């Protein structure tokens, strides 16, 4: 099997990482979190930094239960 990434696949991975990083950076800055940390973590891999940010920094599971 050819284990090299095709240029299209590599471009797709770069776009996904950049979009995730930009979202994390801007959202963390808006909500007063450590935005540089989240932006850099978003460049490293996907989707774990996004999930960690939503679960632990934004605490999205608490907003649903607090409304009841």
C-alpha atoms as a PDB file:
ATOM      1  CA  UNK A   1       0.000   0.000   0.000  1.00  0.00           C
ATOM      2  CA  UNK A   2       1.060   3.548  -0.657  1.00  0.00           C
ATOM      3  CA  UNK A   3       1.505   5.162   2.763  1.00  0.00           C
ATOM      4  CA  UNK A   4       2.065   8.720   1.529  1.00  0.00           C
ATOM      5  CA  UNK A   5      -0.704  11.262   1.761  1.00  0.00           C
ATOM      6  CA  UNK A   6      -2.027  12.585  -1.488  1.00  0.00           C
ATOM      7  CA  UNK A   7      -1.808  16.364  -1.946  1.00  0.00           C
ATOM      8  CA  UNK A   8      -5.602  16.644  -1.771  1.00  0.00           C
ATOM      9  CA  UNK A   9      -5.749  14.731   1.516  1.00  0.00           C
ATOM     10  CA  UNK A  10      -2.887  16.772   2.950  1.00  0.00           C
ATOM     11  CA  UNK A  11      -4.642  20.017   1.972  1.00  0.00           C
ATOM     12  CA  UNK A  12      -7.849  18.775   3.608  1.00  0.00           C
ATOM     13  CA  UNK A  13      -6.029  17.975   6.860  1.00  0.00           C
ATOM     14  CA  UNK A  14      -4.364  21.409   6.876  1.00  0.00           C
ATOM     15  CA  UNK A  15      -7.711  23.147   6.312  1.00  0.00           C
ATOM     16  CA  UNK A  16      -9.399  21.151   9.100  1.00  0.00           C
ATOM     17  CA  UNK A  17      -6.612  21.953  11.570  1.00  0.00           C
ATOM     18  CA  UNK A  18      -6.576  25.649  10.667  1.00  0.00           C
ATOM     19  CA  UNK A  19     -10.347  26.026  10.948  1.00  0.00           C
ATOM     20  CA  UNK A  20     -10.363  24.217  14.287  1.00  0.00           C
ATOM     21  CA  UNK A  21      -7.489  26.339  15.598  1.00  0.00           C
ATOM     22  CA  UNK A  22      -9.070  29.616  14.500  1.00  0.00           C
ATOM     23  CA  UNK A  23     -12.387  28.639  16.073  1.00  0.00           C
ATOM     24  CA  UNK A  24     -10.752  27.666  19.356  1.00  0.00           C
ATOM     25  CA  UNK A  25      -8.650  30.842  19.434  1.00  0.00           C
ATOM     26  CA  UNK A  26     -11.528  33.225  18.764  1.00  0.00           C
ATOM     27  CA  UNK A  27     -14.024  31.440  21.004  1.00  0.00           C
ATOM     28  CA  UNK A  28     -11.599  31.144  23.926  1.00  0.00           C
ATOM     29  CA  UNK A  29     -10.702  34.817  23.580  1.00  0.00           C
ATOM     30  CA  UNK A  30     -14.389  35.774  23.545  1.00  0.00           C
ATOM     31  CA  UNK A  31     -15.092  33.777  26.716  1.00  0.00           C
ATOM     32  CA  UNK A  32     -11.977  34.804  28.638  1.00  0.00           C
ATOM     33  CA  UNK A  33     -10.032  31.542  28.487  1.00  0.00           C
ATOM     34  CA  UNK A  34      -6.343  31.084  27.679  1.00  0.00           C
ATOM     35  CA  UNK A  35      -6.769  31.674  23.935  1.00  0.00           C
ATOM     36  CA  UNK A  36      -3.154  31.134  22.856  1.00  0.00           C
ATOM     37  CA  UNK A  37      -3.106  27.717  24.483  1.00  0.00           C
ATOM     38  CA  UNK A  38      -6.325  26.634  22.783  1.00  0.00           C
ATOM     39  CA  UNK A  39      -5.226  28.023  19.420  1.00  0.00           C
ATOM     40  CA  UNK A  40      -1.929  26.133  19.509  1.00  0.00           C
ATOM     41  CA  UNK A  41      -3.578  22.942  20.730  1.00  0.00           C
ATOM     42  CA  UNK A  42      -6.011  23.201  17.830  1.00  0.00           C
ATOM     43  CA  UNK A  43      -3.100  23.082  15.377  1.00  0.00           C
ATOM     44  CA  UNK A  44      -1.696  19.862  16.798  1.00  0.00           C
ATOM     45  CA  UNK A  45      -4.476  17.365  16.181  1.00  0.00           C
ATOM     46  CA  UNK A  46      -8.208  17.052  15.564  1.00  0.00           C
ATOM     47  CA  UNK A  47     -10.848  16.627  17.082  1.00  0.00           C
ATOM     48  CA  UNK A  48      -9.622  16.074  20.675  1.00  0.00           C
ATOM     49  CA  UNK A  49      -8.675  19.710  21.479  1.00  0.00           C
ATOM     50  CA  UNK A  50     -12.095  20.848  20.290  1.00  0.00           C
ATOM     51  CA  UNK A  51     -13.858  18.237  22.413  1.00  0.00           C
ATOM     52  CA  UNK A  52     -11.735  19.052  25.477  1.00  0.00           C
ATOM     53  CA  UNK A  53     -12.418  22.760  25.036  1.00  0.00           C
ATOM     54  CA  UNK A  54     -16.167  22.267  24.773  1.00  0.00           C
ATOM     55  CA  UNK A  55     -16.358  19.811  27.666  1.00  0.00           C
ATOM     56  CA  UNK A  56     -13.881  21.270  30.166  1.00  0.00           C
ATOM     57  CA  UNK A  57     -13.390  24.964  29.359  1.00  0.00           C
ATOM     58  CA  UNK A  58     -16.906  25.854  28.214  1.00  0.00           C
ATOM     59  CA  UNK A  59     -18.643  23.161  30.321  1.00  0.00           C
ATOM     60  CA  UNK A  60     -21.437  22.640  27.791  1.00  0.00           C
ATOM     61  CA  UNK A  61     -22.984  19.752  29.720  1.00  0.00           C
ATOM     62  CA  UNK A  62     -23.855  22.028  32.657  1.00  0.00           C
ATOM     63  CA  UNK A  63     -25.832  24.571  30.641  1.00  0.00           C
ATOM     64  CA  UNK A  64     -28.460  21.983  29.664  1.00  0.00           C
ATOM     65  CA  UNK A  65     -28.980  20.660  33.192  1.00  0.00           C
ATOM     66  CA  UNK A  66     -29.055  24.158  34.772  1.00  0.00           C
ATOM     67  CA  UNK A  67     -32.038  25.185  32.621  1.00  0.00           C
ATOM     68  CA  UNK A  68     -34.309  22.446  34.039  1.00  0.00           C
END
